[in-house]
Protein backbone atom coordinates (compact mmCIF):
# COMPACT_ATOMS: atom_id res chain seq x y z
CA UNK A 1 10.61 -92.81 67.71
CA UNK A 2 13.58 -91.74 69.84
CA UNK A 3 13.27 -90.15 73.26
CA UNK A 4 15.66 -87.45 74.27
CA UNK A 5 16.03 -86.25 77.79
CA UNK A 6 16.10 -82.47 78.44
CA UNK A 7 18.72 -81.94 81.17
CA UNK A 8 18.85 -79.22 83.83
CA UNK A 9 21.81 -77.16 82.56
CA UNK A 10 24.77 -75.97 84.78
CA UNK A 11 24.46 -72.24 84.91
CA UNK A 12 27.86 -71.63 86.55
CA UNK A 13 30.80 -73.37 88.30
CA UNK A 14 29.33 -73.04 91.89
CA UNK A 15 25.63 -73.63 90.87
CA UNK A 16 24.46 -77.09 91.87
CA UNK A 17 20.70 -76.71 91.50
CA UNK A 18 18.04 -74.54 89.89
CA UNK A 19 14.31 -73.77 90.44
CA UNK A 20 11.76 -74.37 87.65
CA UNK A 21 9.90 -71.02 87.37
CA UNK A 22 7.52 -71.69 84.53
CA UNK A 23 6.95 -74.28 81.84
CA UNK A 24 6.30 -72.68 78.45
CA UNK A 25 5.48 -75.88 76.74
CA UNK A 26 2.94 -78.60 77.72
CA UNK A 27 3.20 -82.33 77.11
CA UNK A 28 2.26 -83.01 73.52
CA UNK A 29 3.31 -79.53 72.26
CA UNK A 30 5.60 -79.37 69.25
CA UNK A 31 9.13 -77.86 69.95
CA UNK A 32 11.75 -76.67 67.55
CA UNK A 33 15.49 -76.73 67.90
CA UNK A 34 16.50 -73.99 70.34
CA UNK A 35 12.86 -73.05 71.12
CA UNK A 36 12.44 -72.16 74.83
CA UNK A 37 10.67 -75.04 76.84
CA UNK A 38 10.94 -73.67 80.31
CA UNK A 39 12.30 -70.75 82.52
CA UNK A 40 14.54 -71.51 85.43
CA UNK A 41 16.20 -69.51 88.22
CA UNK A 42 19.33 -69.99 90.37
CA UNK A 43 20.52 -67.80 93.27
CA UNK A 44 22.37 -65.68 90.62
CA UNK A 45 20.26 -65.26 87.51
CA UNK A 46 17.04 -66.32 85.69
CA UNK A 47 17.43 -68.12 82.37
CA UNK A 48 15.61 -69.98 79.64
CA UNK A 49 16.27 -73.67 78.77
CA UNK A 50 15.86 -74.35 74.97
CA UNK A 51 15.09 -77.68 73.29
CA UNK A 52 18.25 -79.49 71.93
CA UNK A 53 16.13 -81.12 69.29
CA UNK A 54 12.93 -80.83 67.25
CA UNK A 55 9.98 -83.04 68.26
CA UNK A 56 7.17 -83.33 70.64
CA UNK A 57 7.40 -82.62 74.40
CA UNK A 58 6.78 -85.99 76.03
CA UNK A 59 6.32 -85.43 79.78
CA UNK A 60 7.36 -83.15 82.61
CA UNK A 61 9.54 -84.95 85.16
CA UNK A 62 9.29 -82.04 87.57
CA UNK A 63 6.66 -79.35 88.29
CA UNK A 64 6.93 -75.61 88.61
CA UNK A 65 8.75 -74.42 91.78
CA UNK A 66 10.50 -77.75 92.16
CA UNK A 67 14.31 -77.40 92.89
CA UNK A 68 16.26 -79.69 90.50
CA UNK A 69 19.98 -80.60 90.65
CA UNK A 70 22.02 -79.71 87.64
CA UNK A 71 22.58 -82.66 85.27
CA UNK A 72 19.10 -84.16 86.25
CA UNK A 73 16.56 -84.94 83.31
CA UNK A 74 13.69 -82.53 83.65
CA UNK A 75 11.54 -83.58 80.64
CA UNK A 76 11.44 -85.90 77.71
CA UNK A 77 11.26 -84.99 74.01
CA UNK A 78 10.06 -87.39 71.36
CA UNK A 79 11.76 -87.23 68.01
CA UNK A 80 10.71 -88.93 64.79
CA UNK A 81 14.29 -89.97 63.94
CA UNK A 82 15.76 -92.78 66.08
CA UNK A 83 19.16 -91.59 65.05
CA UNK A 84 18.65 -87.92 65.76
CA UNK A 85 21.76 -85.94 66.22
CA UNK A 86 21.32 -83.93 69.48
CA UNK A 87 22.80 -80.44 68.97
CA UNK A 88 23.55 -78.62 72.20
CA UNK A 89 21.86 -75.20 72.41
CA UNK A 90 24.11 -72.22 72.96
CA UNK A 91 21.89 -70.99 75.76
CA UNK A 92 22.45 -74.28 77.59
CA UNK A 93 26.21 -74.28 77.23
CA UNK A 94 28.23 -73.06 80.19
CA UNK A 95 31.79 -72.63 81.15
CA UNK A 96 33.99 -75.07 82.86
CA UNK A 97 36.96 -74.29 85.18
CA UNK A 98 39.19 -73.61 82.18
CA UNK A 99 36.89 -71.04 80.70
CA UNK A 100 36.01 -73.44 77.78
CA UNK A 101 32.39 -73.92 76.65
CA UNK A 102 30.93 -77.21 77.82
CA UNK A 103 27.51 -78.56 76.64
CA UNK A 104 24.95 -79.71 79.13
CA UNK A 105 22.59 -81.02 76.61
CA UNK A 106 21.56 -84.68 76.95
CA UNK A 107 22.11 -87.50 74.50
CA UNK A 108 19.48 -90.13 74.03
CA UNK A 109 21.51 -92.49 76.17
CA UNK A 110 19.77 -92.79 79.63
CA UNK A 111 21.89 -92.22 82.66
CA UNK A 112 23.37 -95.31 84.33
CA UNK A 113 21.25 -96.95 86.84
CA UNK A 114 22.39 -96.69 90.44
CA UNK A 115 24.27 -99.69 91.70
CA UNK A 116 22.20 -102.09 93.76
CA UNK A 117 22.72 -101.70 97.56
CA UNK A 118 24.71 -104.67 98.88
CA UNK A 119 23.34 -106.86 101.60
CA UNK A 120 24.45 -105.48 104.90
CA UNK A 121 27.23 -107.50 106.55
CA UNK A 122 28.77 -107.07 109.97
CA UNK A 123 31.39 -104.26 109.73
CA UNK A 124 33.55 -102.41 112.13
CA UNK A 125 31.97 -99.60 113.98
CA UNK A 126 33.03 -96.88 111.53
CA UNK A 127 31.17 -98.54 108.66
CA UNK A 128 27.89 -97.34 109.93
CA UNK A 129 28.62 -93.95 108.51
CA UNK A 130 29.08 -95.13 105.03
CA UNK A 131 25.34 -95.56 104.26
CA UNK A 132 23.91 -93.79 101.35
CA UNK A 133 22.67 -90.29 101.91
CA UNK A 134 19.30 -89.75 100.46
CA UNK A 135 18.70 -86.74 98.22
CA UNK A 136 15.49 -85.81 100.18
CA UNK A 137 14.75 -86.98 103.71
CA UNK A 138 11.31 -88.02 104.95
CA UNK A 139 10.96 -84.54 106.47
CA UNK A 140 11.45 -82.91 103.15
CA UNK A 141 15.03 -81.72 103.61
CA UNK A 142 17.08 -81.65 100.37
CA UNK A 143 20.81 -82.43 100.16
CA UNK A 144 22.74 -81.47 97.15
CA UNK A 145 25.08 -83.93 95.31
CA UNK A 146 28.09 -82.04 96.64
CA UNK A 147 26.86 -82.22 100.32
CA UNK A 148 26.10 -85.83 99.97
CA UNK A 149 29.59 -86.55 98.52
CA UNK A 150 31.35 -84.62 101.36
CA UNK A 151 29.08 -86.49 103.94
CA UNK A 152 30.05 -89.87 102.59
CA UNK A 153 33.69 -88.97 102.35
CA UNK A 154 33.73 -87.71 105.87
CA UNK A 155 31.75 -90.73 107.15
CA UNK A 156 28.72 -88.60 108.28
CA UNK A 157 25.65 -90.69 108.63
CA UNK A 158 22.21 -89.55 107.46
CA UNK A 159 21.03 -89.07 111.07
CA UNK A 160 24.12 -86.97 111.89
CA UNK A 161 23.63 -84.91 108.79
CA UNK A 162 20.09 -84.18 109.78
CA UNK A 163 21.36 -82.38 112.90
CA UNK A 164 23.52 -79.84 110.95
CA UNK A 165 21.83 -76.38 110.92
CA UNK A 166 21.58 -75.24 107.38
CA UNK A 167 22.13 -71.59 106.15
CA UNK A 168 20.79 -72.23 102.70
CA UNK A 169 17.39 -71.55 101.17
CA UNK A 170 14.77 -73.20 103.31
CA UNK A 171 17.23 -74.44 105.83
CA UNK A 172 19.28 -76.44 103.35
CA UNK A 173 22.77 -77.57 104.25
CA UNK A 174 25.28 -75.84 102.07
CA UNK A 175 28.84 -76.69 101.36
CA UNK A 176 30.03 -74.09 103.79
CA UNK A 177 27.75 -75.55 106.55
CA UNK A 178 29.11 -79.08 106.25
CA UNK A 179 32.72 -77.98 105.91
CA UNK A 180 32.39 -75.94 109.11
CA UNK A 181 30.76 -78.80 110.77
CA UNK A 182 33.62 -81.21 109.72
CA UNK A 183 36.22 -78.63 110.90
CA UNK A 184 34.83 -78.52 114.41
CA UNK A 185 33.70 -82.19 114.57
CA UNK A 186 35.49 -84.09 117.24
CA UNK A 187 35.10 -87.66 115.74
CA UNK A 188 32.88 -89.34 113.20
CA UNK A 189 29.63 -90.73 114.55
CA UNK A 190 30.22 -94.40 115.33
CA UNK A 191 27.62 -97.10 115.64
CA UNK A 192 27.99 -99.58 118.35
CA UNK A 193 29.87 -102.79 117.07
CA UNK A 194 27.94 -105.97 117.19
CA UNK A 195 28.85 -108.35 119.99
CA UNK A 196 30.46 -111.65 118.97
CA UNK A 197 27.96 -114.45 118.79
CA UNK A 198 30.14 -116.63 121.13
CA UNK A 199 29.91 -114.21 124.06
CA UNK A 200 26.75 -113.50 126.05
CA UNK A 201 25.17 -110.16 125.41
CA UNK A 202 26.06 -107.61 128.02
CA UNK A 203 23.94 -104.80 129.12
CA UNK A 204 25.35 -101.56 127.60
CA UNK A 205 24.34 -98.09 128.67
CA UNK A 206 22.11 -96.36 126.20
CA UNK A 207 24.00 -93.91 124.05
CA UNK A 208 23.25 -90.26 124.72
CA UNK A 209 20.96 -88.90 122.18
CA UNK A 210 22.50 -86.48 119.57
CA UNK A 211 21.77 -82.85 120.44
CA UNK A 212 19.00 -81.46 118.37
CA UNK A 213 19.64 -78.48 116.20
CA UNK A 214 18.36 -75.41 117.96
CA UNK A 215 15.37 -74.24 115.87
CA UNK A 216 15.49 -70.73 114.55
CA UNK A 217 12.99 -68.76 116.54
CA UNK A 218 11.49 -65.78 114.66
CA UNK A 219 10.38 -62.81 116.79
CA UNK A 220 6.70 -62.57 117.31
CA UNK A 221 5.02 -59.94 115.12
CA UNK A 222 1.77 -58.42 116.15
CA UNK A 223 -0.70 -58.32 113.20
CA UNK A 224 -3.68 -56.11 113.45
CA UNK A 225 -6.16 -54.88 110.86
CA UNK A 226 -3.90 -51.87 110.00
CA UNK A 227 -1.02 -53.76 108.40
CA UNK A 228 -0.33 -55.35 105.06
CA UNK A 229 1.45 -58.73 104.84
CA UNK A 230 3.74 -58.87 101.76
CA UNK A 231 5.18 -62.13 100.74
CA UNK A 232 8.94 -61.88 99.71
CA UNK A 233 9.43 -62.50 96.02
CA UNK A 234 11.92 -65.22 94.98
CA UNK A 235 14.87 -62.88 94.37
CA UNK A 236 14.27 -61.05 97.76
CA UNK A 237 14.35 -64.41 99.58
CA UNK A 238 17.63 -65.33 97.77
CA UNK A 239 19.15 -61.97 98.66
CA UNK A 240 18.13 -62.36 102.35
CA UNK A 241 19.65 -65.84 102.62
CA UNK A 242 22.90 -64.60 100.94
CA UNK A 243 23.19 -61.61 103.20
CA UNK A 244 22.74 -63.72 106.34
CA UNK A 245 25.19 -66.30 105.09
CA UNK A 246 27.81 -63.60 104.53
CA UNK A 247 27.46 -62.25 107.95
CA UNK A 248 27.75 -65.80 109.38
CA UNK A 249 30.79 -66.50 107.30
CA UNK A 250 32.89 -63.34 107.55
CA UNK A 251 33.60 -61.13 110.55
CA UNK A 252 32.94 -57.79 108.94
CA UNK A 253 35.01 -54.63 109.70
CA UNK A 254 34.60 -51.36 107.98
CA UNK A 255 36.91 -48.53 107.38
CA UNK A 256 36.25 -45.06 106.07
CA UNK A 257 38.28 -42.25 104.28
CA UNK A 258 37.09 -38.85 103.07
CA UNK A 259 38.35 -37.93 99.61
CA UNK A 260 38.74 -34.58 97.89
CA UNK A 261 37.47 -35.30 94.25
CA UNK A 262 37.29 -31.65 93.08
CA UNK A 263 39.69 -32.31 90.16
CA UNK A 264 37.57 -35.26 88.99
CA UNK A 265 34.30 -33.31 89.27
CA UNK A 266 35.64 -30.43 87.34
CA UNK A 267 37.17 -32.74 84.68
CA UNK A 268 33.91 -34.61 84.14
CA UNK A 269 31.84 -31.39 83.85
CA UNK A 270 34.40 -30.14 81.23
CA UNK A 271 34.42 -33.17 79.03
CA UNK A 272 31.16 -35.08 79.50
CA UNK A 273 29.53 -33.40 76.39
CA UNK A 274 32.49 -33.96 74.10
CA UNK A 275 32.95 -37.53 75.44
CA UNK A 276 29.39 -38.41 74.50
CA UNK A 277 29.81 -36.90 71.07
CA UNK A 278 33.08 -38.78 70.46
CA UNK A 279 32.11 -42.17 71.82
CA UNK A 280 28.30 -42.18 72.09
CA UNK A 281 28.37 -42.91 75.81
CA UNK A 282 27.57 -40.92 78.82
CA UNK A 283 30.41 -40.91 81.23
CA UNK A 284 29.54 -41.22 84.97
CA UNK A 285 31.85 -41.30 87.94
CA UNK A 286 31.62 -45.18 88.20
CA UNK A 287 34.17 -45.99 85.45
CA UNK A 288 36.69 -43.67 87.19
CA UNK A 289 35.97 -45.43 90.52
CA UNK A 290 36.57 -48.76 88.88
CA UNK A 291 39.84 -47.57 87.36
CA UNK A 292 41.07 -46.40 90.76
CA UNK A 293 40.06 -49.67 92.49
CA UNK A 294 41.89 -51.78 89.77
CA UNK A 295 45.07 -49.70 90.30
CA UNK A 296 44.87 -50.17 94.08
CA UNK A 297 44.35 -53.90 93.70
CA UNK A 298 47.59 -53.97 91.79
CA UNK A 299 49.27 -52.40 94.70
CA UNK A 300 47.55 -54.62 97.31
CA UNK A 301 46.87 -57.92 95.47
CA UNK A 302 45.90 -59.68 98.78
CA UNK A 303 42.62 -57.87 98.77
CA UNK A 304 41.77 -59.73 95.59
CA UNK A 305 41.37 -63.12 97.23
CA UNK A 306 38.82 -65.61 98.63
CA UNK A 307 38.94 -68.18 101.38
CA UNK A 308 38.45 -71.97 101.05
CA UNK A 309 38.67 -73.83 104.35
CA UNK A 310 42.15 -72.89 105.74
CA UNK A 311 43.50 -71.86 102.37
CA UNK A 312 43.74 -68.47 100.74
CA UNK A 313 42.87 -68.34 96.96
CA UNK A 314 44.60 -65.47 95.32
CA UNK A 315 42.91 -64.35 92.09
CA UNK A 316 45.15 -63.20 89.25
CA UNK A 317 42.20 -61.76 87.26
CA UNK A 318 40.72 -58.51 88.48
CA UNK A 319 36.97 -58.84 87.92
CA UNK A 320 35.01 -55.89 89.52
CA UNK A 321 31.39 -56.46 90.39
CA UNK A 322 29.16 -53.31 90.37
CA UNK A 323 25.97 -53.44 92.26
CA UNK A 324 23.02 -52.34 90.14
CA UNK A 325 19.49 -51.59 91.32
CA UNK A 326 16.64 -53.24 89.45
CA UNK A 327 13.19 -51.62 88.87
CA UNK A 328 11.80 -54.08 91.57
CA UNK A 329 14.21 -52.49 94.08
CA UNK A 330 16.22 -55.66 94.31
CA UNK A 331 19.99 -55.53 93.51
CA UNK A 332 22.12 -57.61 91.08
CA UNK A 333 25.91 -57.54 90.68
CA UNK A 334 27.18 -57.74 87.01
CA UNK A 335 30.86 -58.29 86.66
CA UNK A 336 33.41 -56.28 84.62
CA UNK A 337 35.89 -59.07 83.67
CA UNK A 338 39.56 -58.22 83.55
CA UNK A 339 38.87 -54.62 84.42
CA UNK A 340 42.60 -53.84 84.63
CA UNK A 341 42.95 -54.44 80.90
CA UNK A 342 40.28 -51.79 79.94
CA UNK A 343 40.94 -48.10 79.41
CA UNK A 344 38.49 -45.41 80.67
CA UNK A 345 36.53 -45.57 77.40
CA UNK A 346 36.25 -49.42 77.53
CA UNK A 347 35.27 -49.22 81.16
CA UNK A 348 32.59 -46.65 80.34
CA UNK A 349 31.11 -48.79 77.63
CA UNK A 350 31.12 -51.89 79.80
CA UNK A 351 29.66 -50.14 82.82
CA UNK A 352 26.71 -48.53 80.76
CA UNK A 353 26.03 -51.80 78.92
CA UNK A 354 25.86 -54.05 82.06
CA UNK A 355 23.79 -51.41 83.96
CA UNK A 356 21.27 -51.03 81.11
CA UNK A 357 20.86 -54.72 80.53
CA UNK A 358 20.63 -55.43 84.30
CA UNK A 359 17.67 -53.05 84.43
CA UNK A 360 16.03 -54.91 81.59
CA UNK A 361 16.74 -58.36 83.08
CA UNK A 362 18.81 -59.30 80.04
CA UNK A 363 22.14 -60.26 81.75
CA UNK A 364 23.60 -63.60 80.86
CA UNK A 365 24.66 -66.08 83.68
CA UNK A 366 28.31 -65.64 82.91
CA UNK A 367 28.06 -61.93 83.28
CA UNK A 368 27.31 -62.12 87.07
CA UNK A 369 29.89 -64.75 87.90
CA UNK A 370 33.64 -64.87 88.88
CA UNK A 371 33.75 -61.45 90.56
CA UNK A 372 36.81 -60.88 92.78
CA UNK A 373 35.83 -57.45 94.33
CA UNK A 374 32.60 -55.51 94.48
CA UNK A 375 31.91 -51.75 94.21
CA UNK A 376 28.55 -50.25 95.33
CA UNK A 377 27.49 -46.64 94.91
CA UNK A 378 25.37 -45.59 97.86
CA UNK A 379 25.65 -42.09 96.81
CA UNK A 380 23.21 -42.70 94.08
CA UNK A 381 20.55 -42.65 96.81
CA UNK A 382 21.98 -39.56 98.36
CA UNK A 383 23.78 -41.41 101.17
CA UNK A 384 27.04 -39.99 102.29
CA UNK A 385 28.45 -43.32 103.47
CA UNK A 386 27.49 -47.00 104.00
CA UNK A 387 28.62 -50.26 105.48
CA UNK A 388 28.07 -52.78 102.76
CA UNK A 389 27.96 -56.67 103.27
CA UNK A 390 30.61 -58.66 101.58
CA UNK A 391 29.54 -60.43 98.37
CA UNK A 392 30.73 -64.01 99.21
CA UNK A 393 33.17 -65.61 98.40
CA UNK A 394 35.04 -62.37 97.97
CA UNK A 395 36.69 -60.64 101.06
CA UNK A 396 35.99 -57.00 100.46
CA UNK A 397 33.43 -54.55 99.09
CA UNK A 398 33.71 -50.78 98.65
CA UNK A 399 30.99 -48.26 98.92
CA UNK A 400 31.21 -44.71 97.35
CA UNK A 401 29.12 -42.04 99.05
CA UNK A 402 27.51 -38.92 97.68
CA UNK A 403 29.83 -36.13 96.45
CA UNK A 404 28.98 -32.99 98.47
CA UNK A 405 30.43 -29.47 98.42
CA UNK A 406 31.98 -28.53 101.67
CA UNK A 407 34.34 -26.01 103.23
CA UNK A 408 37.82 -27.56 103.61
CA UNK A 409 41.33 -26.59 104.59
CA UNK A 410 43.51 -26.66 101.51
CA UNK A 411 47.39 -26.05 101.43
CA UNK A 412 48.61 -23.41 99.08
CA UNK A 413 51.98 -21.56 98.49
CA UNK A 414 50.62 -18.81 100.71
CA UNK A 415 49.59 -21.08 103.64
CA UNK A 416 46.51 -22.91 104.59
CA UNK A 417 43.22 -21.57 103.33
CA UNK A 418 39.49 -22.43 103.56
CA UNK A 419 37.98 -23.32 100.20
CA UNK A 420 34.79 -24.93 98.82
CA UNK A 421 35.72 -28.46 97.73
CA UNK A 422 33.93 -31.58 96.35
CA UNK A 423 34.34 -34.22 99.07
CA UNK A 424 33.15 -37.84 99.34
CA UNK A 425 33.43 -40.72 101.71
CA UNK A 426 34.75 -44.18 100.66
CA UNK A 427 33.99 -47.10 102.97
CA UNK A 428 35.45 -50.66 102.73
CA UNK A 429 33.92 -53.60 104.37
CA UNK A 430 36.42 -56.53 104.58
CA UNK A 431 36.63 -60.08 106.00
CA UNK A 432 38.79 -59.78 109.10
CA UNK A 433 39.69 -63.51 108.97
CA UNK A 434 42.18 -62.71 106.27
CA UNK A 435 42.22 -58.93 105.82
CA UNK A 436 43.64 -57.05 108.75
CA UNK A 437 43.25 -53.35 109.50
CA UNK A 438 46.58 -52.49 108.04
CA UNK A 439 45.71 -54.06 104.59
CA UNK A 440 42.08 -52.97 104.48
CA UNK A 441 42.93 -49.39 105.58
CA UNK A 442 45.97 -49.11 103.33
CA UNK A 443 44.05 -50.31 100.31
CA UNK A 444 41.15 -47.89 100.88
CA UNK A 445 43.51 -45.01 101.40
CA UNK A 446 45.36 -45.92 98.05
CA UNK A 447 41.98 -45.71 96.21
CA UNK A 448 41.43 -42.28 97.70
CA UNK A 449 44.90 -41.22 96.74
CA UNK A 450 44.34 -42.20 93.15
CA UNK A 451 41.05 -40.24 92.99
CA UNK A 452 42.63 -37.20 94.53
CA UNK A 453 45.48 -37.20 92.14
CA UNK A 454 43.20 -37.37 89.11
CA UNK A 455 44.66 -35.27 86.30
CA UNK A 456 42.10 -32.36 85.54
CA UNK A 457 43.77 -32.02 82.15
CA UNK A 458 43.37 -35.66 81.13
CA UNK A 459 42.75 -36.14 77.46
CA UNK A 460 39.76 -38.33 76.21
């Protein structure tokens, strides 16, 4: 009887770990090919892990709520065929950096055993930092494989790593945390060199203890009998961590413009019935906003970037994320891939499809990845403007406010006049490390110009 390991799949290029939400199969249960064995969650999306083979579930290697690195075996499956051909499940396949599908299903071959730790020998002072970094410390702090690799490369000892404040879930050290630490680090931690045996030992001053990380002090909350304590759900915790991380990473600046969208409103009121009859889709303002944003990005491509260390990564694809509210009140950001290649009908179909499946929690992992710019509609809630938080690692996010009728000055052939117009505010929050006021303000104004110049006689 062959034993096949069920592997924690890689759910995206930047995802290094996932949380086991619920086991759907118990040890001893029969499983079929592609039958769901467990449910997992990352900081981006929930998903199911199917069985790559038919057989009997052997044992769980992790329990519910455990955080498991991708590529780690999480269960064993016993098959009756010692030469079973392991077929990767489509739901476990993910995309590599080239956009090609890669399988994360395991083969029966067990992973290679870690190399034995060599017997310590006297080394120069710097060698003390090259010790192995444990995955989990005695205090329960978890380090991802990426963080451990960076620590070893930069000669950061386990003790030094323990002093780095973490901004991740549960205080974990993220890639950003350790890279920021390395950037501001004066020199690698060095252990005192061993004195030669031929010389008498000399009294050395005791090294100064490393400064302890300042613990995060939460403000005291007075709890009486007239309050209700509500535990955050998993997604709300992840959102909270992501928002704090974004504010710590990017110095936010927000610019505003007021836009006259009277032509757009009149056009939509005129064609929305015929549009639905012709294409079977209800047209909202969102596809038009996305269209204007993609055009403005074409004019100002340096808004479509991300930051990696001291490098600016310019994205050639224009992938627009659209914040969508879930029934729970949480938000998720599905992504319209290559939005600049879609016409208004294609944008409408994509926006409606992603929004509907977001509300039903049926989005696929790849549909919330690789966004390069985000659009959020605070006008949905009746708000006239907002100051949104950047969706890292992007550098800008635009909010659209409610469209309101207002008296406004309009220029006519007979001079200036007061007229009732449909006006709205656009606001753009941007990362002031790489986006200055000129670029951010000019980009936002260009989006407004495209909306104000909308053709009220546009054909559908």
